[in-house]
Amino acid sequence: MKKTGIRFAPVLILAAAAALAAVLFWLLWENVPQAAVRYGVLAVCGGIALLAVLWTAAERYRVGRFADEICATLDAVMAGRTPENFHPYEDSLATKVQGRLLQYYDMMCEGKMQGERDKETLQGLVSDISHQVKTPVANIKLYTGILRKPQLTQTERERFLATMETQVEKLDFLMQSLIKMSRLETGTFLLHPSEERLEDTIARAMSIVWGNAERKGICLSVACEPQVTVWHDPKWTAEAIGNILDNAVKYTPEGGSVSVTVRPWQFYTRIDIADTGPGIAKEHYHDVFRRFYRAPEVAGEEGVGLGLYLANGIITRQKGYISVKSKEGEGTVFTVYLLSEGMDGGE
């Protein structure tokens, strides 16, 4: 009904003006005897009718021009061009509508680009997972075939079974890491921070690497005051610090050392994790936090390249951050910064 009323509004106004002119003409023509006055009344009524006709024509032209401008804008947008008839500094109805159409178009383009980026990320993720899973699965198939040979001695069979068990554990570790990574990237990674003693969290992280460090003869040390408390999620923060410690122990040669030092730092509590490993080249400082990144010089070591990626995700979701400083051949220091005072860092 509204559209029909708008479409026929000029016609209705024209009809009303004509009716008004006719009524005035009829009333005044019969009651005014002078011919000059009568013709004057006729001229006024005709003028009203003419103005109504002119106004109607102008209104139709304005509406038609408005429709043409909007259609031209839509044609340009659909063709991926900037509209030639768009004048953003004009204060007109057409400009306002064109501006909204262009805003909507920009939003649609951004959504499309985001969709393409998500698609590329997913394709890269599938490719990375396929590459990571390929080796342990191939090894398990190989050893399964070997174990079927009847001529194997019991000692050989046990050795191959132990090797297969290692591959299964590696595959399980990879799957668990991928699940955590998926939760991190899809936003289902929930943290429950509270004011907790940092010493207990570091002790939990140390327990993750204690066995490997002892086997390699690596000296572990911690310097943390018992009264230090930090607003954090103890479970996931321990895993983040544990991942950094695991890297430190893994790449530090036998007889080396790994130390954890805690001290205040402005609005944060600073946790330095230093090792005596091979170090990291400066151009790779940011690369080490990338998903599945493995430096060429340590590619022979066990690992899938997700530990530091997960650690960084856990810490940043608590409003903290991680920095790295290293000298090749002398060791590396990863520094974790956690907010010292209560502030909800969960999502």
C-alpha atoms as a PDB file:
ATOM      1  CA  MET A   1       0.000   0.000   0.000  1.00  0.00           C
ATOM      2  CA  LYS A   2       2.811   2.433   0.790  1.00  0.00           C
ATOM      3  CA  LYS A   3       4.535   1.795  -2.533  1.00  0.00           C
ATOM      4  CA  THR A   4       1.264   2.288  -4.442  1.00  0.00           C
ATOM      5  CA  GLY A   5       0.597   5.555  -2.573  1.00  0.00           C
ATOM      6  CA  ILE A   6       4.065   6.887  -3.365  1.00  0.00           C
ATOM      7  CA  ARG A   7       3.751   5.909  -7.016  1.00  0.00           C
ATOM      8  CA  PHE A   8       0.397   7.673  -7.494  1.00  0.00           C
ATOM      9  CA  ALA A   9       0.996  10.661  -5.189  1.00  0.00           C
ATOM     10  CA  PRO A  10       1.713  13.111  -8.065  1.00  0.00           C
ATOM     11  CA  VAL A  11      -1.463  11.995  -9.881  1.00  0.00           C
ATOM     12  CA  LEU A  12      -3.548  12.440  -6.741  1.00  0.00           C
ATOM     13  CA  ILE A  13      -2.118  15.906  -6.116  1.00  0.00           C
ATOM     14  CA  LEU A  14      -2.800  16.858  -9.734  1.00  0.00           C
ATOM     15  CA  ALA A  15      -6.386  15.599  -9.445  1.00  0.00           C
ATOM     16  CA  ALA A  16      -6.872  17.509  -6.172  1.00  0.00           C
ATOM     17  CA  ALA A  17      -5.536  20.716  -7.742  1.00  0.00           C
ATOM     18  CA  ALA A  18      -7.825  20.285 -10.746  1.00  0.00           C
ATOM     19  CA  ALA A  19     -10.820  19.679  -8.487  1.00  0.00           C
ATOM     20  CA  LEU A  20      -9.967  22.770  -6.398  1.00  0.00           C
ATOM     21  CA  ALA A  21      -9.683  24.897  -9.533  1.00  0.00           C
ATOM     22  CA  ALA A  22     -13.011  23.590 -10.825  1.00  0.00           C
ATOM     23  CA  VAL A  23     -14.778  24.313  -7.530  1.00  0.00           C
ATOM     24  CA  LEU A  24     -13.346  27.838  -7.371  1.00  0.00           C
ATOM     25  CA  PHE A  25     -14.281  28.449 -10.977  1.00  0.00           C
ATOM     26  CA  TRP A  26     -17.876  27.237 -10.454  1.00  0.00           C
ATOM     27  CA  LEU A  27     -18.394  29.231  -7.263  1.00  0.00           C
ATOM     28  CA  LEU A  28     -16.894  32.480  -8.463  1.00  0.00           C
ATOM     29  CA  TRP A  29     -18.071  32.372 -12.092  1.00  0.00           C
ATOM     30  CA  GLU A  30     -21.769  32.314 -11.196  1.00  0.00           C
ATOM     31  CA  ASN A  31     -21.541  34.888  -8.386  1.00  0.00           C
ATOM     32  CA  VAL A  32     -19.277  37.455 -10.062  1.00  0.00           C
ATOM     33  CA  PRO A  33     -21.017  39.360 -12.934  1.00  0.00           C
ATOM     34  CA  GLN A  34     -17.996  41.246 -14.210  1.00  0.00           C
ATOM     35  CA  ALA A  35     -16.399  39.539 -17.197  1.00  0.00           C
ATOM     36  CA  ALA A  36     -12.882  40.729 -16.314  1.00  0.00           C
ATOM     37  CA  VAL A  37     -13.111  39.200 -12.856  1.00  0.00           C
ATOM     38  CA  ARG A  38     -14.537  36.009 -14.304  1.00  0.00           C
ATOM     39  CA  TYR A  39     -11.629  35.678 -16.688  1.00  0.00           C
ATOM     40  CA  GLY A  40      -9.258  36.445 -13.823  1.00  0.00           C
ATOM     41  CA  VAL A  41     -10.772  33.595 -11.820  1.00  0.00           C
ATOM     42  CA  LEU A  42     -10.402  31.346 -14.861  1.00  0.00           C
ATOM     43  CA  ALA A  43      -6.738  32.340 -15.171  1.00  0.00           C
ATOM     44  CA  VAL A  44      -6.067  31.614 -11.472  1.00  0.00           C
ATOM     45  CA  CYS A  45      -7.718  28.201 -11.743  1.00  0.00           C
ATOM     46  CA  GLY A  46      -5.774  27.443 -14.901  1.00  0.00           C
ATOM     47  CA  GLY A  47      -2.564  28.551 -13.205  1.00  0.00           C
ATOM     48  CA  ILE A  48      -3.215  26.185 -10.295  1.00  0.00           C
ATOM     49  CA  ALA A  49      -3.793  23.325 -12.722  1.00  0.00           C
ATOM     50  CA  LEU A  50      -0.663  24.214 -14.689  1.00  0.00           C
ATOM     51  CA  LEU A  51       1.487  24.370 -11.534  1.00  0.00           C
ATOM     52  CA  ALA A  52       0.161  20.989 -10.497  1.00  0.00           C
ATOM     53  CA  VAL A  53       1.045  19.564 -13.910  1.00  0.00           C
ATOM     54  CA  LEU A  54       4.553  21.081 -13.785  1.00  0.00           C
ATOM     55  CA  TRP A  55       5.134  19.864 -10.227  1.00  0.00           C
ATOM     56  CA  THR A  56       3.995  16.377 -11.197  1.00  0.00           C
ATOM     57  CA  ALA A  57       6.348  16.304 -14.182  1.00  0.00           C
ATOM     58  CA  ALA A  58       9.266  17.567 -12.049  1.00  0.00           C
ATOM     59  CA  GLU A  59       8.554  14.989  -9.377  1.00  0.00           C
ATOM     60  CA  ARG A  60       8.453  12.179 -11.919  1.00  0.00           C
ATOM     61  CA  TYR A  61      11.752  13.400 -13.375  1.00  0.00           C
ATOM     62  CA  ARG A  62      13.354  13.544  -9.915  1.00  0.00           C
ATOM     63  CA  VAL A  63      12.193  10.037  -9.001  1.00  0.00           C
ATOM     64  CA  GLY A  64      13.323   8.708 -12.374  1.00  0.00           C
ATOM     65  CA  ARG A  65      16.743  10.318 -12.009  1.00  0.00           C
ATOM     66  CA  PHE A  66      17.072   8.937  -8.469  1.00  0.00           C
ATOM     67  CA  ALA A  67      16.234   5.429  -9.732  1.00  0.00           C
ATOM     68  CA  ASP A  68      18.726   5.774 -12.598  1.00  0.00           C
ATOM     69  CA  GLU A  69      21.516   6.825 -10.201  1.00  0.00           C
ATOM     70  CA  ILE A  70      20.831   3.920  -7.850  1.00  0.00           C
ATOM     71  CA  CYS A  71      20.694   1.448 -10.757  1.00  0.00           C
ATOM     72  CA  ALA A  72      23.970   2.840 -12.130  1.00  0.00           C
ATOM     73  CA  THR A  73      25.540   2.437  -8.684  1.00  0.00           C
ATOM     74  CA  LEU A  74      24.351  -1.170  -8.452  1.00  0.00           C
ATOM     75  CA  ASP A  75      25.629  -1.921 -11.969  1.00  0.00           C
ATOM     76  CA  ALA A  76      29.056  -0.487 -11.074  1.00  0.00           C
ATOM     77  CA  VAL A  77      29.198  -2.416  -7.790  1.00  0.00           C
ATOM     78  CA  MET A  78      28.245  -5.703  -9.453  1.00  0.00           C
ATOM     79  CA  ALA A  79      30.938  -5.082 -12.062  1.00  0.00           C
ATOM     80  CA  GLY A  80      33.517  -4.351  -9.359  1.00  0.00           C
ATOM     81  CA  ARG A  81      33.929  -0.695 -10.333  1.00  0.00           C
ATOM     82  CA  THR A  82      33.681   2.531  -8.356  1.00  0.00           C
ATOM     83  CA  PRO A  83      30.443   4.348  -9.320  1.00  0.00           C
ATOM     84  CA  GLU A  84      31.158   7.389 -11.501  1.00  0.00           C
ATOM     85  CA  ASN A  85      28.035   9.213 -10.336  1.00  0.00           C
ATOM     86  CA  PHE A  86      28.826   8.957  -6.620  1.00  0.00           C
ATOM     87  CA  HIS A  87      29.568  12.320  -4.961  1.00  0.00           C
ATOM     88  CA  PRO A  88      30.165  11.572  -1.268  1.00  0.00           C
ATOM     89  CA  TYR A  89      30.190  15.212  -0.144  1.00  0.00           C
ATOM     90  CA  GLU A  90      26.744  16.044  -1.537  1.00  0.00           C
ATOM     91  CA  ASP A  91      23.859  16.115   0.925  1.00  0.00           C
ATOM     92  CA  SER A  92      21.221  14.344  -1.147  1.00  0.00           C
ATOM     93  CA  LEU A  93      19.006  11.305  -0.804  1.00  0.00           C
ATOM     94  CA  ALA A  94      20.742   9.554  -3.721  1.00  0.00           C
ATOM     95  CA  THR A  95      24.172  10.095  -2.134  1.00  0.00           C
ATOM     96  CA  LYS A  96      22.986   8.670   1.196  1.00  0.00           C
ATOM     97  CA  VAL A  97      21.524   5.568  -0.440  1.00  0.00           C
ATOM     98  CA  GLN A  98      24.634   5.126  -2.607  1.00  0.00           C
ATOM     99  CA  GLY A  99      26.844   5.416   0.459  1.00  0.00           C
ATOM    100  CA  ARG A 100      24.920   2.681   2.258  1.00  0.00           C
ATOM    101  CA  LEU A 101      25.042   0.449  -0.818  1.00  0.00           C
ATOM    102  CA  LEU A 102      28.825   0.903  -1.039  1.00  0.00           C
ATOM    103  CA  GLN A 103      29.207   0.142   2.685  1.00  0.00           C
ATOM    104  CA  TYR A 104      27.216  -3.044   2.226  1.00  0.00           C
ATOM    105  CA  TYR A 105      29.329  -3.944  -0.799  1.00  0.00           C
ATOM    106  CA  ASP A 106      32.543  -3.415   1.205  1.00  0.00           C
ATOM    107  CA  MET A 107      31.189  -5.656   3.961  1.00  0.00           C
ATOM    108  CA  MET A 108      30.319  -8.352   1.436  1.00  0.00           C
ATOM    109  CA  CYS A 109      33.806  -8.110  -0.130  1.00  0.00           C
ATOM    110  CA  GLU A 110      35.449  -8.377   3.281  1.00  0.00           C
ATOM    111  CA  GLY A 111      33.300 -11.395   4.110  1.00  0.00           C
ATOM    112  CA  LYS A 112      34.272 -13.020   0.822  1.00  0.00           C
ATOM    113  CA  MET A 113      37.970 -12.336   1.405  1.00  0.00           C
ATOM    114  CA  GLN A 114      37.723 -13.712   4.942  1.00  0.00           C
ATOM    115  CA  GLY A 115      36.058 -16.822   3.570  1.00  0.00           C
ATOM    116  CA  GLU A 116      38.890 -17.277   1.068  1.00  0.00           C
ATOM    117  CA  ARG A 117      41.479 -16.777   3.833  1.00  0.00           C
ATOM    118  CA  ASP A 118      39.706 -19.342   6.013  1.00  0.00           C
ATOM    119  CA  LYS A 119      39.620 -21.757   3.098  1.00  0.00           C
ATOM    120  CA  GLU A 120      43.363 -21.323   2.495  1.00  0.00           C
ATOM    121  CA  THR A 121      44.042 -21.794   6.221  1.00  0.00           C
ATOM    122  CA  LEU A 122      41.966 -24.969   6.268  1.00  0.00           C
ATOM    123  CA  GLN A 123      43.724 -26.327   3.180  1.00  0.00           C
ATOM    124  CA  GLY A 124      47.105 -25.561   4.734  1.00  0.00           C
ATOM    125  CA  LEU A 125      46.040 -27.207   7.979  1.00  0.00           C
ATOM    126  CA  VAL A 126      44.863 -30.369   6.229  1.00  0.00           C
ATOM    127  CA  SER A 127      48.131 -30.503   4.269  1.00  0.00           C
ATOM    128  CA  ASP A 128      50.203 -30.050   7.444  1.00  0.00           C
ATOM    129  CA  ILE A 129      48.263 -32.709   9.335  1.00  0.00           C
ATOM    130  CA  SER A 130      48.594 -35.135   6.423  1.00  0.00           C
ATOM    131  CA  HIS A 131      52.348 -34.565   6.338  1.00  0.00           C
ATOM    132  CA  GLN A 132      52.716 -35.026  10.105  1.00  0.00           C
ATOM    133  CA  VAL A 133      50.614 -38.200  10.258  1.00  0.00           C
ATOM    134  CA  LYS A 134      52.204 -39.817   7.205  1.00  0.00           C
ATOM    135  CA  THR A 135      55.499 -40.852   8.846  1.00  0.00           C
ATOM    136  CA  PRO A 136      54.232 -42.627  11.994  1.00  0.00           C
ATOM    137  CA  VAL A 137      51.442 -44.359  10.046  1.00  0.00           C
ATOM    138  CA  ALA A 138      53.939 -45.566   7.431  1.00  0.00           C
ATOM    139  CA  ASN A 139      56.255 -46.849  10.175  1.00  0.00           C
ATOM    140  CA  ILE A 140      53.421 -48.697  11.922  1.00  0.00           C
ATOM    141  CA  LYS A 141      52.460 -50.390   8.640  1.00  0.00           C
ATOM    142  CA  LEU A 142      56.094 -51.323   8.023  1.00  0.00           C
ATOM    143  CA  TYR A 143      56.630 -52.888  11.448  1.00  0.00           C
ATOM    144  CA  THR A 144      53.265 -54.658  11.292  1.00  0.00           C
ATOM    145  CA  GLY A 145      54.395 -56.356   8.098  1.00  0.00           C
ATOM    146  CA  ILE A 146      57.745 -57.311   9.631  1.00  0.00           C
ATOM    147  CA  LEU A 147      56.111 -58.760  12.752  1.00  0.00           C
ATOM    148  CA  ARG A 148      54.054 -61.140  10.623  1.00  0.00           C
ATOM    149  CA  LYS A 149      57.194 -62.958   9.511  1.00  0.00           C
ATOM    150  CA  PRO A 150      57.390 -66.277  11.354  1.00  0.00           C
ATOM    151  CA  GLN A 151      61.197 -66.467  11.297  1.00  0.00           C
ATOM    152  CA  LEU A 152      61.644 -63.530  13.699  1.00  0.00           C
ATOM    153  CA  THR A 153      63.280 -64.354  17.022  1.00  0.00           C
ATOM    154  CA  GLN A 154      61.591 -63.314  20.261  1.00  0.00           C
ATOM    155  CA  THR A 155      64.241 -60.632  20.816  1.00  0.00           C
ATOM    156  CA  GLU A 156      63.683 -59.140  17.366  1.00  0.00           C
ATOM    157  CA  ARG A 157      59.938 -59.291  17.821  1.00  0.00           C
ATOM    158  CA  GLU A 158      60.142 -57.416  21.136  1.00  0.00           C
ATOM    159  CA  ARG A 159      62.439 -54.800  19.607  1.00  0.00           C
ATOM    160  CA  PHE A 160      60.061 -54.175  16.707  1.00  0.00           C
ATOM    161  CA  LEU A 161      57.073 -54.063  19.083  1.00  0.00           C
ATOM    162  CA  ALA A 162      58.855 -51.463  21.220  1.00  0.00           C
ATOM    163  CA  THR A 163      59.584 -49.399  18.100  1.00  0.00           C
ATOM    164  CA  MET A 164      55.961 -49.679  17.006  1.00  0.00           C
ATOM    165  CA  GLU A 165      54.795 -48.608  20.464  1.00  0.00           C
ATOM    166  CA  THR A 166      56.978 -45.508  20.158  1.00  0.00           C
ATOM    167  CA  GLN A 167      55.335 -44.656  16.837  1.00  0.00           C
ATOM    168  CA  VAL A 168      51.874 -45.157  18.335  1.00  0.00           C
ATOM    169  CA  GLU A 169      52.767 -42.842  21.224  1.00  0.00           C
ATOM    170  CA  LYS A 170      54.053 -40.274  18.736  1.00  0.00           C
ATOM    171  CA  LEU A 171      50.804 -40.526  16.779  1.00  0.00           C
ATOM    172  CA  ASP A 172      48.770 -40.176  19.980  1.00  0.00           C
ATOM    173  CA  PHE A 173      50.817 -37.137  21.020  1.00  0.00           C
ATOM    174  CA  LEU A 174      50.241 -35.602  17.587  1.00  0.00           C
ATOM    175  CA  MET A 175      46.476 -36.194  17.797  1.00  0.00           C
ATOM    176  CA  GLN A 176      46.293 -34.642  21.270  1.00  0.00           C
ATOM    177  CA  SER A 177      48.263 -31.615  20.068  1.00  0.00           C
ATOM    178  CA  LEU A 178      46.017 -31.238  17.041  1.00  0.00           C
ATOM    179  CA  ILE A 179      42.920 -31.341  19.254  1.00  0.00           C
ATOM    180  CA  LYS A 180      44.347 -28.583  21.438  1.00  0.00           C
ATOM    181  CA  MET A 181      45.295 -26.579  18.351  1.00  0.00           C
ATOM    182  CA  SER A 182      41.783 -27.000  16.938  1.00  0.00           C
ATOM    183  CA  ARG A 183      40.223 -25.783  20.196  1.00  0.00           C
ATOM    184  CA  LEU A 184      42.601 -22.841  20.225  1.00  0.00           C
ATOM    185  CA  GLU A 185      41.786 -21.767  16.659  1.00  0.00           C
ATOM    186  CA  THR A 186      38.008 -22.294  16.891  1.00  0.00           C
ATOM    187  CA  GLY A 187      37.632 -20.296  20.089  1.00  0.00           C
ATOM    188  CA  THR A 188      36.514 -23.241  22.256  1.00  0.00           C
ATOM    189  CA  PHE A 189      39.698 -23.024  24.299  1.00  0.00           C
ATOM    190  CA  LEU A 190      38.316 -21.886  27.685  1.00  0.00           C
ATOM    191  CA  LEU A 191      40.551 -20.511  30.423  1.00  0.00           C
ATOM    192  CA  HIS A 192      39.592 -20.087  34.078  1.00  0.00           C
ATOM    193  CA  PRO A 193      42.102 -17.629  35.566  1.00  0.00           C
ATOM    194  CA  SER A 194      42.349 -16.838  39.257  1.00  0.00           C
ATOM    195  CA  GLU A 195      44.900 -15.448  41.699  1.00  0.00           C
ATOM    196  CA  GLU A 196      47.241 -18.409  42.223  1.00  0.00           C
ATOM    197  CA  ARG A 197      50.792 -19.040  43.422  1.00  0.00           C
ATOM    198  CA  LEU A 198      53.143 -19.031  40.456  1.00  0.00           C
ATOM    199  CA  GLU A 199      55.603 -21.380  42.176  1.00  0.00           C
ATOM    200  CA  ASP A 200      53.031 -24.211  42.100  1.00  0.00           C
ATOM    201  CA  THR A 201      52.365 -23.661  38.375  1.00  0.00           C
ATOM    202  CA  ILE A 202      56.077 -23.724  37.554  1.00  0.00           C
ATOM    203  CA  ALA A 203      56.510 -26.893  39.632  1.00  0.00           C
ATOM    204  CA  ARG A 204      53.743 -28.543  37.581  1.00  0.00           C
ATOM    205  CA  ALA A 205      55.489 -27.439  34.377  1.00  0.00           C
ATOM    206  CA  MET A 206      58.831 -28.764  35.618  1.00  0.00           C
ATOM    207  CA  SER A 207      57.309 -32.187  36.262  1.00  0.00           C
ATOM    208  CA  ILE A 208      56.589 -32.469  32.513  1.00  0.00           C
ATOM    209  CA  VAL A 209      60.287 -32.366  31.592  1.00  0.00           C
ATOM    210  CA  TRP A 210      62.026 -33.676  34.697  1.00  0.00           C
ATOM    211  CA  GLY A 211      62.483 -37.229  33.396  1.00  0.00           C
ATOM    212  CA  ASN A 212      63.946 -36.169  30.020  1.00  0.00           C
ATOM    213  CA  ALA A 213      66.267 -33.660  31.694  1.00  0.00           C
ATOM    214  CA  GLU A 214      67.561 -36.304  34.110  1.00  0.00           C
ATOM    215  CA  ARG A 215      68.251 -38.762  31.266  1.00  0.00           C
ATOM    216  CA  LYS A 216      70.327 -36.125  29.437  1.00  0.00           C
ATOM    217  CA  GLY A 217      72.099 -34.934  32.577  1.00  0.00           C
ATOM    218  CA  ILE A 218      70.653 -31.426  32.218  1.00  0.00           C
ATOM    219  CA  CYS A 219      70.607 -29.271  35.335  1.00  0.00           C
ATOM    220  CA  LEU A 220      67.180 -27.735  36.058  1.00  0.00           C
ATOM    221  CA  SER A 221      66.917 -24.733  38.397  1.00  0.00           C
ATOM    222  CA  VAL A 222      64.106 -22.424  39.528  1.00  0.00           C
ATOM    223  CA  ALA A 223      64.282 -19.036  41.229  1.00  0.00           C
ATOM    224  CA  CYS A 224      60.782 -18.012  42.311  1.00  0.00           C
ATOM    225  CA  GLU A 225      59.673 -16.477  45.599  1.00  0.00           C
ATOM    226  CA  PRO A 226      56.930 -18.579  47.266  1.00  0.00           C
ATOM    227  CA  GLN A 227      54.703 -15.533  47.885  1.00  0.00           C
ATOM    228  CA  VAL A 228      54.481 -14.503  44.209  1.00  0.00           C
ATOM    229  CA  THR A 229      50.906 -14.768  42.943  1.00  0.00           C
ATOM    230  CA  VAL A 230      49.678 -14.105  39.403  1.00  0.00           C
ATOM    231  CA  TRP A 231      46.226 -13.939  37.811  1.00  0.00           C
ATOM    232  CA  HIS A 232      46.319 -16.992  35.523  1.00  0.00           C
ATOM    233  CA  ASP A 233      44.862 -20.391  34.716  1.00  0.00           C
ATOM    234  CA  PRO A 234      47.232 -22.790  36.547  1.00  0.00           C
ATOM    235  CA  LYS A 235      46.539 -25.867  34.396  1.00  0.00           C
ATOM    236  CA  TRP A 236      46.952 -24.293  30.952  1.00  0.00           C
ATOM    237  CA  THR A 237      49.711 -21.901  32.006  1.00  0.00           C
ATOM    238  CA  ALA A 238      51.659 -24.894  33.334  1.00  0.00           C
ATOM    239  CA  GLU A 239      51.219 -26.549  29.943  1.00  0.00           C
ATOM    240  CA  ALA A 240      52.416 -23.410  28.127  1.00  0.00           C
ATOM    241  CA  ILE A 241      55.523 -23.106  30.320  1.00  0.00           C
ATOM    242  CA  GLY A 242      55.987 -26.876  30.096  1.00  0.00           C
ATOM    243  CA  ASN A 243      56.027 -26.681  26.283  1.00  0.00           C
ATOM    244  CA  ILE A 244      58.758 -24.033  26.417  1.00  0.00           C
ATOM    245  CA  LEU A 245      60.718 -26.103  28.925  1.00  0.00           C
ATOM    246  CA  ASP A 246      60.276 -29.214  26.766  1.00  0.00           C
ATOM    247  CA  ASN A 247      61.830 -27.380  23.805  1.00  0.00           C
ATOM    248  CA  ALA A 248      64.663 -26.146  25.999  1.00  0.00           C
ATOM    249  CA  VAL A 249      65.466 -29.644  27.303  1.00  0.00           C
ATOM    250  CA  LYS A 250      65.043 -31.232  23.862  1.00  0.00           C
ATOM    251  CA  TYR A 251      67.531 -28.933  22.121  1.00  0.00           C
ATOM    252  CA  THR A 252      70.019 -28.486  24.955  1.00  0.00           C
ATOM    253  CA  PRO A 253      72.939 -30.919  24.648  1.00  0.00           C
ATOM    254  CA  GLU A 254      73.763 -33.412  27.394  1.00  0.00           C
ATOM    255  CA  GLY A 255      75.268 -31.850  30.481  1.00  0.00           C
ATOM    256  CA  GLY A 256      73.739 -28.445  29.756  1.00  0.00           C
ATOM    257  CA  SER A 257      71.389 -26.404  31.926  1.00  0.00           C
ATOM    258  CA  VAL A 258      67.886 -24.936  31.860  1.00  0.00           C
ATOM    259  CA  SER A 259      66.871 -22.272  34.362  1.00  0.00           C
ATOM    260  CA  VAL A 260      63.605 -20.532  35.276  1.00  0.00           C
ATOM    261  CA  THR A 261      63.794 -17.097  36.884  1.00  0.00           C
ATOM    262  CA  VAL A 262      60.752 -15.116  38.101  1.00  0.00           C
ATOM    263  CA  ARG A 263      60.805 -11.389  38.821  1.00  0.00           C
ATOM    264  CA  PRO A 264      58.395  -8.409  38.690  1.00  0.00           C
ATOM    265  CA  TRP A 265      58.304  -6.347  35.488  1.00  0.00           C
ATOM    266  CA  GLN A 266      56.141  -3.195  35.485  1.00  0.00           C
ATOM    267  CA  PHE A 267      52.495  -4.396  35.265  1.00  0.00           C
ATOM    268  CA  TYR A 268      53.607  -7.971  34.570  1.00  0.00           C
ATOM    269  CA  THR A 269      55.377 -10.809  36.273  1.00  0.00           C
ATOM    270  CA  ARG A 270      58.291 -11.906  34.125  1.00  0.00           C
ATOM    271  CA  ILE A 271      59.315 -15.569  33.736  1.00  0.00           C
ATOM    272  CA  ASP A 272      62.686 -16.112  32.016  1.00  0.00           C
ATOM    273  CA  ILE A 273      63.323 -19.633  30.708  1.00  0.00           C
ATOM    274  CA  ALA A 274      66.983 -19.873  29.662  1.00  0.00           C
ATOM    275  CA  ASP A 275      68.817 -22.811  28.104  1.00  0.00           C
ATOM    276  CA  THR A 276      72.306 -23.559  26.829  1.00  0.00           C
ATOM    277  CA  GLY A 277      71.168 -24.987  23.487  1.00  0.00           C
ATOM    278  CA  PRO A 278      72.205 -24.116  19.940  1.00  0.00           C
ATOM    279  CA  GLY A 279      70.303 -20.816  19.872  1.00  0.00           C
ATOM    280  CA  ILE A 280      67.952 -19.318  17.292  1.00  0.00           C
ATOM    281  CA  ALA A 281      68.854 -17.020  14.423  1.00  0.00           C
ATOM    282  CA  LYS A 282      67.312 -13.558  14.833  1.00  0.00           C
ATOM    283  CA  GLU A 283      65.366 -13.803  11.568  1.00  0.00           C
ATOM    284  CA  HIS A 284      63.544 -16.860  12.965  1.00  0.00           C
ATOM    285  CA  TYR A 285      62.369 -15.306  16.248  1.00  0.00           C
ATOM    286  CA  HIS A 286      58.783 -15.029  14.984  1.00  0.00           C
ATOM    287  CA  ASP A 287      58.893 -18.263  12.980  1.00  0.00           C
ATOM    288  CA  VAL A 288      59.277 -20.430  16.084  1.00  0.00           C
ATOM    289  CA  PHE A 289      55.713 -19.520  17.140  1.00  0.00           C
ATOM    290  CA  ARG A 290      54.239 -20.599  13.801  1.00  0.00           C
ATOM    291  CA  ARG A 291      52.194 -23.758  13.556  1.00  0.00           C
ATOM    292  CA  PHE A 292      54.309 -26.843  12.598  1.00  0.00           C
ATOM    293  CA  TYR A 293      57.486 -24.767  12.238  1.00  0.00           C
ATOM    294  CA  ARG A 294      60.701 -26.774  12.590  1.00  0.00           C
ATOM    295  CA  ALA A 295      64.090 -25.128  12.091  1.00  0.00           C
ATOM    296  CA  PRO A 296      66.234 -27.030   9.548  1.00  0.00           C
ATOM    297  CA  GLU A 297      69.083 -27.510  12.031  1.00  0.00           C
ATOM    298  CA  VAL A 298      66.807 -29.328  14.542  1.00  0.00           C
ATOM    299  CA  ALA A 299      64.625 -31.216  12.061  1.00  0.00           C
ATOM    300  CA  GLY A 300      66.149 -34.505  13.240  1.00  0.00           C
ATOM    301  CA  GLU A 301      64.834 -34.045  16.798  1.00  0.00           C
ATOM    302  CA  GLU A 302      61.514 -35.478  17.958  1.00  0.00           C
ATOM    303  CA  GLY A 303      58.588 -33.084  17.781  1.00  0.00           C
ATOM    304  CA  VAL A 304      55.799 -31.771  15.556  1.00  0.00           C
ATOM    305  CA  GLY A 305      56.300 -28.015  15.859  1.00  0.00           C
ATOM    306  CA  LEU A 306      53.152 -27.226  17.883  1.00  0.00           C
ATOM    307  CA  GLY A 307      54.532 -26.676  21.395  1.00  0.00           C
ATOM    308  CA  LEU A 308      55.509 -23.006  21.098  1.00  0.00           C
ATOM    309  CA  TYR A 309      52.465 -22.280  18.918  1.00  0.00           C
ATOM    310  CA  LEU A 310      50.166 -23.589  21.679  1.00  0.00           C
ATOM    311  CA  ALA A 311      52.178 -21.847  24.412  1.00  0.00           C
ATOM    312  CA  ASN A 312      51.859 -18.511  22.649  1.00  0.00           C
ATOM    313  CA  GLY A 313      48.116 -18.996  22.173  1.00  0.00           C
ATOM    314  CA  ILE A 314      47.570 -19.855  25.841  1.00  0.00           C
ATOM    315  CA  ILE A 315      49.580 -16.897  27.156  1.00  0.00           C
ATOM    316  CA  THR A 316      48.111 -14.286  24.772  1.00  0.00           C
ATOM    317  CA  ARG A 317      44.591 -15.361  25.754  1.00  0.00           C
ATOM    318  CA  GLN A 318      45.475 -14.351  29.310  1.00  0.00           C
ATOM    319  CA  LYS A 319      46.500 -10.848  28.170  1.00  0.00           C
ATOM    320  CA  GLY A 320      50.166 -11.795  28.397  1.00  0.00           C
ATOM    321  CA  TYR A 321      52.835 -12.308  25.759  1.00  0.00           C
ATOM    322  CA  ILE A 322      56.068 -14.176  25.032  1.00  0.00           C
ATOM    323  CA  SER A 323      59.349 -12.766  23.749  1.00  0.00           C
ATOM    324  CA  VAL A 324      62.532 -14.502  22.669  1.00  0.00           C
ATOM    325  CA  LYS A 325      66.188 -13.506  22.770  1.00  0.00           C
ATOM    326  CA  SER A 326      69.000 -15.728  21.591  1.00  0.00           C
ATOM    327  CA  LYS A 327      72.603 -16.005  20.465  1.00  0.00           C
ATOM    328  CA  GLU A 328      73.507 -18.770  18.084  1.00  0.00           C
ATOM    329  CA  GLY A 329      75.728 -21.306  19.791  1.00  0.00           C
ATOM    330  CA  GLU A 330      75.163 -19.816  23.268  1.00  0.00           C
ATOM    331  CA  GLY A 331      71.517 -20.536  24.089  1.00  0.00           C
ATOM    332  CA  THR A 332      68.066 -18.992  24.129  1.00  0.00           C
ATOM    333  CA  VAL A 333      65.889 -17.125  26.610  1.00  0.00           C
ATOM    334  CA  PHE A 334      62.113 -17.295  26.258  1.00  0.00           C
ATOM    335  CA  THR A 335      60.365 -14.725  28.455  1.00  0.00           C
ATOM    336  CA  VAL A 336      56.734 -15.134  29.489  1.00  0.00           C
ATOM    337  CA  TYR A 337      54.917 -12.020  30.715  1.00  0.00           C
ATOM    338  CA  LEU A 338      51.781 -12.546  32.818  1.00  0.00           C
ATOM    339  CA  LEU A 339      49.643  -9.775  34.307  1.00  0.00           C
ATOM    340  CA  SER A 340      50.507  -9.345  37.973  1.00  0.00           C
ATOM    341  CA  GLU A 341      47.081  -8.175  39.174  1.00  0.00           C
ATOM    342  CA  GLY A 342      43.583  -9.564  38.838  1.00  0.00           C
ATOM    343  CA  MET A 343      42.224  -9.099  35.354  1.00  0.00           C
ATOM    344  CA  ASP A 344      40.080 -11.695  33.619  1.00  0.00           C
ATOM    345  CA  GLY A 345      42.230 -12.978  30.769  1.00  0.00           C
ATOM    346  CA  GLY A 346      39.861 -15.742  29.672  1.00  0.00           C
ATOM    347  CA  GLU A 347      37.654 -15.539  26.648  1.00  0.00           C
END
